Each structure stands twice: as C-alpha cells, then as structure tokens.
C-alpha cells in the first residue's frame, strides 16, 4: 500500500469515527437537530440578505455621490470655457 492510499484510508477511518461519535453523543434527537439546522440556516440567510442590502445601499450612495461630483465638474468646466 502506497503513502497516498494510507493517508486516504486514515482520513476515511477518522471521518467515520467522528461521524459515529457525533451520532452517539448527540444531545438532541434527529428531528430536533434538523429543526435547529433549519432555523440557523434561515437566520444566516436573513443576515446575509440584510448585509447585501446594506452594501447595495452604500454602493448606490457612493455611485450617486461620484456622479454628482462628475456633473459638478463638467458644469464648472463648461462655465469656465463658456460653452
């Protein structure tokens, strides 16, 4: 057996033992655990959507400010050149 096979076998054995230990020592029933995962997933989604909305608002505000600065610069240049 080569080194790669030994590493993969060790990894799979460790992962299997970890999963088995987690199942045996789980403090809640499967149904309760699934409900908790669902609730936490929904909370994470809501937080991400809220963060996205906040970032989008800040981005749009910055773009609007840059547009106004550009327009002011063009207007100033036009008045200077009397175009």
Protein backbone atom coordinates (compact mmCIF):
# COMPACT_ATOMS: atom_id res chain seq x y z
CA UNK A 1 0.00 0.00 0.00
CA UNK A 2 1.49 3.35 -1.01
CA UNK A 3 1.55 6.51 1.10
CA UNK A 4 -1.43 8.14 -0.64
CA UNK A 5 -3.62 5.09 -0.01
CA UNK A 6 -2.60 5.07 3.65
CA UNK A 7 -3.44 8.75 4.03
CA UNK A 8 -6.83 8.35 2.34
CA UNK A 9 -7.63 5.25 4.41
CA UNK A 10 -6.65 7.04 7.62
CA UNK A 11 -8.71 10.07 6.68
CA UNK A 12 -11.81 7.99 5.90
CA UNK A 13 -11.40 5.95 9.10
CA UNK A 14 -11.07 9.14 11.17
CA UNK A 15 -14.06 10.77 9.47
CA UNK A 16 -16.15 7.65 10.03
CA UNK A 17 -15.23 7.53 13.71
CA UNK A 18 -16.01 11.23 14.05
CA UNK A 19 -19.43 10.83 12.45
CA UNK A 20 -20.24 7.77 14.56
CA UNK A 21 -19.15 9.55 17.75
CA UNK A 22 -21.23 12.59 16.83
CA UNK A 23 -24.32 10.47 16.28
CA UNK A 24 -23.88 8.52 19.51
CA UNK A 25 -23.21 11.58 21.64
CA UNK A 26 -25.71 13.96 20.03
CA UNK A 27 -27.67 15.78 22.76
CA UNK A 28 -30.87 16.02 20.70
CA UNK A 29 -32.98 13.75 18.55
CA UNK A 30 -32.55 13.80 14.80
CA UNK A 31 -35.80 15.72 14.32
CA UNK A 32 -34.77 18.39 16.83
CA UNK A 33 -31.30 18.67 15.29
CA UNK A 34 -32.79 19.09 11.79
CA UNK A 35 -35.11 21.81 13.12
CA UNK A 36 -32.15 23.61 14.69
CA UNK A 37 -30.16 23.38 11.45
CA UNK A 38 -33.14 24.72 9.50
CA UNK A 39 -33.62 27.61 11.94
CA UNK A 40 -29.93 28.54 11.90
CA UNK A 41 -29.88 28.34 8.10
CA UNK A 42 -32.86 30.71 7.87
CA UNK A 43 -31.22 33.11 10.34
CA UNK A 44 -27.98 33.07 8.33
CA UNK A 45 -29.89 33.69 5.09
CA UNK A 46 -31.74 36.65 6.63
CA UNK A 47 -28.48 38.13 7.95
CA UNK A 48 -26.82 37.70 4.56
CA UNK A 49 -29.74 39.32 2.74
CA UNK A 50 -29.67 42.21 5.22
CA UNK A 51 -25.92 42.62 4.77
CA UNK A 52 -26.30 42.50 0.98
CA UNK A 53 -29.00 45.18 1.12
CA UNK A 54 -26.81 47.39 3.32
CA UNK A 55 -23.83 47.00 0.98
CA UNK A 56 -26.03 47.68 -2.05
CA UNK A 57 -27.38 50.89 -0.46
CA UNK A 58 -23.88 52.08 0.43
CA UNK A 59 -22.65 51.28 -3.09
CA UNK A 60 -25.54 53.14 -4.72
CA UNK A 61 -24.98 56.12 -2.42
CA UNK A 62 -21.28 56.22 -3.36
CA UNK A 63 -22.06 55.95 -7.08
CA UNK A 64 -24.60 58.77 -6.77
CA UNK A 65 -22.03 60.95 -4.99
CA UNK A 66 -19.45 60.26 -7.71
CA UNK A 67 -21.99 61.08 -10.42
CA UNK A 68 -22.83 64.37 -8.73
CA UNK A 69 -19.13 65.21 -8.40
CA UNK A 70 -18.63 64.44 -12.09
CA UNK A 71 -21.62 66.52 -13.13
CA UNK A 72 -20.44 69.43 -11.00
CA UNK A 73 -17.00 69.19 -12.57
CA UNK A 74 -18.47 69.20 -16.07
CA UNK A 75 -20.73 72.16 -15.26
CA UNK A 76 -17.77 74.04 -13.78
CA UNK A 77 -15.67 73.30 -16.85
CA UNK A 78 -18.49 74.40 -19.16
CA UNK A 79 -18.88 77.71 -17.31
CA UNK A 80 -15.12 78.24 -17.37
CA UNK A 81 -14.96 77.57 -21.11
CA UNK A 82 -18.29 79.35 -21.67
CA UNK A 83 -19.57 76.56 -23.91
